[in-house]
Amino acid sequence: MTKVIFACVHNAGRSQMAAALFNRWADPAKARAVSAGTQPGERIHPEVVAVMRERDLDLAAARPQKLTAELAADAQWLVTMGCGDECPVVPGTRRDDWPLEDPKGKPRDRVREIRDDIEARVKQLISTNGWS
């Protein structure tokens, strides 16, 4: 089983969407995802909750969490999401960075575009690594 961590600064938008979409499309016997942030926010951005509901994924009860050594201990992959200098490093993981715009405060149409970009990247990651 491969563990993938999706990380951004506040764990309130991009990384939450990525983990939820990953867990929808990946074979749970092969890979699972979690999301975390370096400076977790208080809640998931409401505009993110709204556009994820359109995909029948409910993030209303999800809570941002801090990327800790314990959380990362058994991870094989770290995908950072446009956090620049604040992107975390997890020793021993394969790493990728997806330069994605923060959806916070954006109009719903723009948040949908970000979600769809994330979904396409997630599906490609799953396909490339044989996790479907």
C-alpha atoms as a PDB file:
ATOM      1  CA  MET A   1       0.000   0.000   0.000  1.00  0.00           C
ATOM      2  CA  THR A   2       1.358   3.389  -1.021  1.00  0.00           C
ATOM      3  CA  LYS A   3       0.625   6.442   1.099  1.00  0.00           C
ATOM      4  CA  VAL A   4       0.507   9.779  -0.695  1.00  0.00           C
ATOM      5  CA  ILE A   5       0.495  13.082   1.170  1.00  0.00           C
ATOM      6  CA  PHE A   6      -0.923  16.157  -0.541  1.00  0.00           C
ATOM      7  CA  ALA A   7       0.371  19.253   1.216  1.00  0.00           C
ATOM      8  CA  CYS A   8      -0.164  22.973   0.988  1.00  0.00           C
ATOM      9  CA  VAL A   9       0.261  25.730   3.538  1.00  0.00           C
ATOM     10  CA  HIS A  10      -3.177  25.885   5.171  1.00  0.00           C
ATOM     11  CA  ASN A  11      -4.590  22.449   4.200  1.00  0.00           C
ATOM     12  CA  ALA A  12      -7.888  24.182   3.540  1.00  0.00           C
ATOM     13  CA  GLY A  13      -8.230  23.984  -0.242  1.00  0.00           C
ATOM     14  CA  ARG A  14      -5.977  22.397  -2.851  1.00  0.00           C
ATOM     15  CA  SER A  15      -4.574  19.554  -0.769  1.00  0.00           C
ATOM     16  CA  GLN A  16      -8.001  18.674   0.630  1.00  0.00           C
ATOM     17  CA  MET A  17      -9.453  18.491  -2.888  1.00  0.00           C
ATOM     18  CA  ALA A  18      -6.528  16.402  -4.121  1.00  0.00           C
ATOM     19  CA  ALA A  19      -6.738  13.840  -1.313  1.00  0.00           C
ATOM     20  CA  ALA A  20     -10.513  13.452  -1.668  1.00  0.00           C
ATOM     21  CA  LEU A  21     -10.279  13.025  -5.440  1.00  0.00           C
ATOM     22  CA  PHE A  22      -7.322  10.651  -5.119  1.00  0.00           C
ATOM     23  CA  ASN A  23      -9.184   8.446  -2.662  1.00  0.00           C
ATOM     24  CA  ARG A  24     -12.184   8.399  -4.992  1.00  0.00           C
ATOM     25  CA  TRP A  25     -10.202   7.238  -8.046  1.00  0.00           C
ATOM     26  CA  ALA A  26      -7.355   5.113  -6.632  1.00  0.00           C
ATOM     27  CA  ASP A  27      -7.720   1.443  -5.754  1.00  0.00           C
ATOM     28  CA  PRO A  28      -7.736   1.477  -1.918  1.00  0.00           C
ATOM     29  CA  ALA A  29      -5.782  -1.784  -1.882  1.00  0.00           C
ATOM     30  CA  LYS A  30      -2.940  -0.066  -3.763  1.00  0.00           C
ATOM     31  CA  ALA A  31      -2.798   3.542  -2.540  1.00  0.00           C
ATOM     32  CA  ARG A  32      -4.432   6.021  -0.176  1.00  0.00           C
ATOM     33  CA  ALA A  33      -3.995   9.738   0.296  1.00  0.00           C
ATOM     34  CA  VAL A  34      -4.026  12.124   3.210  1.00  0.00           C
ATOM     35  CA  SER A  35      -3.696  15.882   3.192  1.00  0.00           C
ATOM     36  CA  ALA A  36      -1.888  18.204   5.546  1.00  0.00           C
ATOM     37  CA  GLY A  37      -0.431  21.675   5.814  1.00  0.00           C
ATOM     38  CA  THR A  38       2.540  23.465   7.280  1.00  0.00           C
ATOM     39  CA  GLN A  39       0.296  26.089   8.943  1.00  0.00           C
ATOM     40  CA  PRO A  40      -3.194  24.538   9.032  1.00  0.00           C
ATOM     41  CA  GLY A  41      -6.165  26.851   8.807  1.00  0.00           C
ATOM     42  CA  GLU A  42      -9.231  26.668  11.006  1.00  0.00           C
ATOM     43  CA  ARG A  43     -11.558  25.144   8.400  1.00  0.00           C
ATOM     44  CA  ILE A  44     -11.891  24.137   4.775  1.00  0.00           C
ATOM     45  CA  HIS A  45     -12.619  27.128   2.530  1.00  0.00           C
ATOM     46  CA  PRO A  46     -16.404  27.287   1.964  1.00  0.00           C
ATOM     47  CA  GLU A  47     -15.967  27.717  -1.796  1.00  0.00           C
ATOM     48  CA  VAL A  48     -13.971  24.453  -1.851  1.00  0.00           C
ATOM     49  CA  VAL A  49     -16.661  22.612   0.120  1.00  0.00           C
ATOM     50  CA  ALA A  50     -19.260  23.886  -2.368  1.00  0.00           C
ATOM     51  CA  VAL A  51     -17.486  22.771  -5.556  1.00  0.00           C
ATOM     52  CA  MET A  52     -16.537  19.408  -4.091  1.00  0.00           C
ATOM     53  CA  ARG A  53     -20.197  18.754  -3.248  1.00  0.00           C
ATOM     54  CA  GLU A  54     -20.817  19.053  -6.989  1.00  0.00           C
ATOM     55  CA  ARG A  55     -18.629  15.934  -7.305  1.00  0.00           C
ATOM     56  CA  ASP A  56     -20.532  14.197  -4.475  1.00  0.00           C
ATOM     57  CA  LEU A  57     -17.576  14.610  -2.133  1.00  0.00           C
ATOM     58  CA  ASP A  58     -18.465  16.220   1.181  1.00  0.00           C
ATOM     59  CA  LEU A  59     -15.578  18.038   2.845  1.00  0.00           C
ATOM     60  CA  ALA A  60     -17.775  19.898   5.340  1.00  0.00           C
ATOM     61  CA  ALA A  61     -16.614  17.723   8.245  1.00  0.00           C
ATOM     62  CA  ALA A  62     -12.954  17.639   7.158  1.00  0.00           C
ATOM     63  CA  ARG A  63     -10.488  19.576   9.281  1.00  0.00           C
ATOM     64  CA  PRO A  64      -7.096  20.964   8.310  1.00  0.00           C
ATOM     65  CA  GLN A  65      -4.237  19.123   9.988  1.00  0.00           C
ATOM     66  CA  LYS A  66      -0.557  19.802  10.478  1.00  0.00           C
ATOM     67  CA  LEU A  67       2.013  17.854   8.510  1.00  0.00           C
ATOM     68  CA  THR A  68       3.906  16.102  11.296  1.00  0.00           C
ATOM     69  CA  ALA A  69       6.724  13.583  11.312  1.00  0.00           C
ATOM     70  CA  GLU A  70       4.253  10.993  12.604  1.00  0.00           C
ATOM     71  CA  LEU A  71       1.816  11.617   9.752  1.00  0.00           C
ATOM     72  CA  ALA A  72       4.628  11.421   7.194  1.00  0.00           C
ATOM     73  CA  ALA A  73       6.439   8.434   8.731  1.00  0.00           C
ATOM     74  CA  ASP A  74       4.993   5.802   6.404  1.00  0.00           C
ATOM     75  CA  ALA A  75       4.480   7.962   3.308  1.00  0.00           C
ATOM     76  CA  GLN A  76       6.115   7.161  -0.002  1.00  0.00           C
ATOM     77  CA  TRP A  77       4.982  10.257  -1.924  1.00  0.00           C
ATOM     78  CA  LEU A  78       4.681  13.961  -1.134  1.00  0.00           C
ATOM     79  CA  VAL A  79       2.871  16.223  -3.567  1.00  0.00           C
ATOM     80  CA  THR A  80       3.173  19.899  -2.663  1.00  0.00           C
ATOM     81  CA  MET A  81       0.763  22.373  -4.148  1.00  0.00           C
ATOM     82  CA  GLY A  82       2.096  25.791  -4.997  1.00  0.00           C
ATOM     83  CA  CYS A  83       3.338  26.698  -1.542  1.00  0.00           C
ATOM     84  CA  GLY A  84       6.686  28.082  -2.726  1.00  0.00           C
ATOM     85  CA  ASP A  85       9.295  28.507   0.006  1.00  0.00           C
ATOM     86  CA  GLU A  86       6.868  27.173   2.607  1.00  0.00           C
ATOM     87  CA  CYS A  87       6.580  23.754   0.924  1.00  0.00           C
ATOM     88  CA  PRO A  88       7.507  20.978   3.307  1.00  0.00           C
ATOM     89  CA  VAL A  89      10.146  18.331   2.770  1.00  0.00           C
ATOM     90  CA  VAL A  90       9.612  14.763   3.906  1.00  0.00           C
ATOM     91  CA  PRO A  91      12.846  12.758   3.780  1.00  0.00           C
ATOM     92  CA  GLY A  92      12.587   9.432   1.981  1.00  0.00           C
ATOM     93  CA  THR A  93       9.551  10.312  -0.142  1.00  0.00           C
ATOM     94  CA  ARG A  94       9.249  10.836  -3.861  1.00  0.00           C
ATOM     95  CA  ARG A  95       8.268  14.428  -4.384  1.00  0.00           C
ATOM     96  CA  ASP A  96       6.318  16.375  -6.939  1.00  0.00           C
ATOM     97  CA  ASP A  97       5.142  19.985  -6.913  1.00  0.00           C
ATOM     98  CA  TRP A  98       1.964  21.093  -8.611  1.00  0.00           C
ATOM     99  CA  PRO A  99       2.010  24.894  -9.019  1.00  0.00           C
ATOM    100  CA  LEU A 100      -1.669  25.536  -8.371  1.00  0.00           C
ATOM    101  CA  GLU A 101      -3.487  28.734  -7.528  1.00  0.00           C
ATOM    102  CA  ASP A 102      -4.971  28.983  -4.033  1.00  0.00           C
ATOM    103  CA  PRO A 103      -8.784  28.777  -4.359  1.00  0.00           C
ATOM    104  CA  LYS A 104      -9.428  30.860  -1.225  1.00  0.00           C
ATOM    105  CA  GLY A 105     -11.810  33.695  -1.926  1.00  0.00           C
ATOM    106  CA  LYS A 106     -12.018  32.962  -5.653  1.00  0.00           C
ATOM    107  CA  PRO A 107     -15.300  32.957  -7.602  1.00  0.00           C
ATOM    108  CA  ARG A 108     -16.947  29.560  -7.793  1.00  0.00           C
ATOM    109  CA  ASP A 109     -16.202  29.198 -11.533  1.00  0.00           C
ATOM    110  CA  ARG A 110     -12.472  29.670 -10.870  1.00  0.00           C
ATOM    111  CA  VAL A 111     -12.546  27.201  -7.963  1.00  0.00           C
ATOM    112  CA  ARG A 112     -14.165  24.666 -10.309  1.00  0.00           C
ATOM    113  CA  GLU A 113     -11.321  25.170 -12.790  1.00  0.00           C
ATOM    114  CA  ILE A 114      -8.756  24.582 -10.031  1.00  0.00           C
ATOM    115  CA  ARG A 115     -10.669  21.470  -8.895  1.00  0.00           C
ATOM    116  CA  ASP A 116     -10.783  20.125 -12.432  1.00  0.00           C
ATOM    117  CA  ASP A 117      -7.050  20.762 -12.901  1.00  0.00           C
ATOM    118  CA  ILE A 118      -6.354  18.905  -9.646  1.00  0.00           C
ATOM    119  CA  GLU A 119      -8.597  16.025 -10.705  1.00  0.00           C
ATOM    120  CA  ALA A 120      -6.771  15.664 -14.031  1.00  0.00           C
ATOM    121  CA  ARG A 121      -3.387  15.663 -12.247  1.00  0.00           C
ATOM    122  CA  VAL A 122      -4.631  13.129  -9.675  1.00  0.00           C
ATOM    123  CA  LYS A 123      -5.907  10.794 -12.385  1.00  0.00           C
ATOM    124  CA  GLN A 124      -2.579  11.058 -14.223  1.00  0.00           C
ATOM    125  CA  LEU A 125      -0.630  10.294 -11.026  1.00  0.00           C
ATOM    126  CA  ILE A 126      -2.830   7.266 -10.337  1.00  0.00           C
ATOM    127  CA  SER A 127      -2.541   6.003 -13.913  1.00  0.00           C
ATOM    128  CA  THR A 128       1.227   6.509 -14.149  1.00  0.00           C
ATOM    129  CA  ASN A 129       1.822   4.557 -10.939  1.00  0.00           C
ATOM    130  CA  GLY A 130      -0.657   1.747 -11.548  1.00  0.00           C
ATOM    131  CA  TRP A 131      -2.907   2.624  -8.618  1.00  0.00           C
ATOM    132  CA  SER A 132      -6.223   2.312 -10.463  1.00  0.00           C
END
